Protein backbone atom coordinates (compact mmCIF):
# COMPACT_ATOMS: atom_id res chain seq x y z
CA MET A 1 -14.70 16.66 4.88
CA ALA A 2 -14.47 14.10 2.06
CA PHE A 3 -12.34 16.47 -0.02
CA THR A 4 -9.66 16.72 2.68
CA ILE A 5 -8.31 13.36 1.55
CA CYS A 6 -6.54 15.12 -1.32
CA ASP A 7 -4.23 18.14 -1.28
CA ASP A 8 -4.50 18.66 -5.05
CA HIS A 9 -6.95 21.55 -5.46
CA ALA A 10 -7.26 21.04 -9.22
CA ARG A 11 -8.23 17.40 -8.63
CA GLN A 12 -10.74 18.46 -5.96
CA GLU A 13 -12.34 20.91 -8.37
CA GLN A 14 -12.45 18.28 -11.09
CA VAL A 15 -14.33 15.88 -8.82
CA LEU A 16 -16.60 18.67 -7.59
CA ASP A 17 -17.51 19.54 -11.19
CA GLN A 18 -18.42 15.89 -11.83
CA LEU A 19 -20.78 15.68 -8.86
CA THR A 20 -24.49 15.55 -9.27
CA HIS A 21 -27.12 15.35 -6.58
CA TYR A 22 -27.20 11.60 -7.31
CA ASN A 23 -23.55 10.90 -6.53
CA ASP A 24 -22.55 13.29 -3.77
CA ASP A 25 -22.00 10.60 -1.15
CA PRO A 26 -18.81 11.32 0.85
CA SER A 27 -17.53 7.77 0.45
CA ASP A 28 -17.87 8.11 -3.35
CA ILE A 29 -15.97 11.40 -3.25
CA ARG A 30 -13.16 9.86 -1.18
CA ALA A 31 -13.02 6.83 -3.47
CA THR A 32 -12.80 9.03 -6.57
CA LEU A 33 -10.07 11.22 -5.09
CA SER A 34 -8.01 8.22 -4.00
CA ASP A 35 -8.73 5.74 -6.80
CA ASP A 36 -5.08 5.39 -7.85
CA GLU A 37 -3.59 5.57 -4.36
CA ILE A 38 -2.19 2.69 -2.33
CA THR A 39 -3.65 2.43 1.15
CA ALA A 40 -1.93 0.99 4.21
CA SER A 41 -4.45 -1.85 4.12
CA SER A 42 -3.17 -3.09 0.75
CA ARG A 43 -1.52 -6.50 0.64
CA LEU A 44 1.80 -5.00 -0.40
CA VAL A 45 1.93 -2.66 2.59
CA ARG A 46 0.81 -5.39 4.98
CA PHE A 47 3.55 -7.63 3.57
CA VAL A 48 6.37 -5.16 4.28
CA THR A 49 4.52 -3.42 7.15
CA LEU A 50 3.74 0.26 7.35
CA THR A 51 6.38 0.65 10.07
CA ALA A 52 9.13 -0.75 7.82
CA TYR A 53 7.98 1.46 4.94
CA GLU A 54 8.08 4.60 7.10
CA LYS A 55 11.39 3.56 8.69
CA ALA A 56 12.87 3.30 5.17
CA GLY A 57 11.89 6.94 4.60
CA GLY A 58 8.52 6.42 2.93
CA GLY A 59 6.01 9.19 3.27
CA VAL A 60 2.32 8.80 3.97
CA GLN A 61 -0.73 10.98 3.78
CA ARG A 62 -3.45 10.50 6.35
CA ASP A 63 -7.14 11.17 5.92
CA LEU A 64 -8.06 13.28 8.94
CA PHE A 65 -11.44 11.60 9.25
CA ALA A 66 -10.57 7.96 8.56
CA THR A 67 -10.48 5.49 11.39
CA ASP A 68 -8.56 2.63 9.80
CA ASP A 69 -5.67 1.85 7.44
CA ASP A 70 -7.80 2.74 4.41
CA GLY A 71 -7.24 6.35 5.41
CA ILE A 72 -3.44 6.11 5.21
CA PHE A 73 -1.98 6.53 1.74
CA ILE A 74 1.47 5.50 0.56
CA LEU A 75 3.28 8.31 -1.27
CA ASP A 76 6.36 6.48 -2.58
CA ARG A 77 5.34 3.55 -4.80
CA VAL A 78 8.94 2.99 -5.97
CA LEU A 79 10.16 2.56 -2.39
CA LEU A 80 7.26 0.24 -1.58
CA ASP A 81 8.06 -1.90 -4.65
CA ARG A 82 11.73 -2.03 -3.65
CA LEU A 83 10.84 -3.13 -0.11
CA VAL A 84 8.47 -5.81 -1.41
CA SER A 85 11.13 -7.09 -3.81
CA GLY A 86 13.74 -7.22 -1.06
CA ARG A 87 11.44 -9.09 1.27
CA LEU A 88 10.50 -11.55 -1.47
CA ASP A 89 14.20 -12.13 -2.26
CA LYS A 90 14.89 -12.92 1.40
CA ALA A 91 11.96 -15.33 1.54
CA ALA A 92 13.08 -17.03 -1.69
CA LYS A 93 16.61 -17.50 -0.30
CA LYS A 94 15.22 -19.10 2.86
CA VAL A 95 13.07 -21.48 0.83
CA SER A 96 15.95 -22.29 -1.50
CA LYS A 97 18.29 -22.91 1.41
CA ALA A 98 15.71 -25.12 3.15
CA GLY A 99 15.21 -27.04 -0.09
CA ALA A 100 18.95 -27.55 -0.48
CA LEU A 101 19.22 -28.81 3.08
CA THR A 102 16.31 -31.17 2.58
CA SER A 103 17.60 -32.55 -0.72
CA GLY A 104 21.11 -32.89 0.76
CA THR A 105 19.70 -34.85 3.67
CA ARG A 106 17.83 -37.15 1.33
CA ARG A 107 20.94 -37.86 -0.70
CA ARG A 108 22.91 -38.86 2.37
CA ARG A 109 20.27 -41.35 3.47
CA HIS A 110 20.31 -43.18 0.14
């Protein structure tokens, strides 16, 4: 079941070849197969939300046996980065605008 996290058969075989009877724990297998993946529980995904990512056309891969967001993997890192950047830009504009309003108010009082 741990190998179902990955569709890449060559990668599955590579991990299988590396296994010994000392490190055949399913959680270790899943971790090895997904070590460079971004899960839905990552801070970046939580910041933009999984719903917004999927609505923007982002694909995901789901671990059939996972019960939480660690079993959902983001497939389009470029899209995720673009969404994060856009959200940060919006937040920066709000802060900048609020700062301009605050400093403008202070100037009028003096």
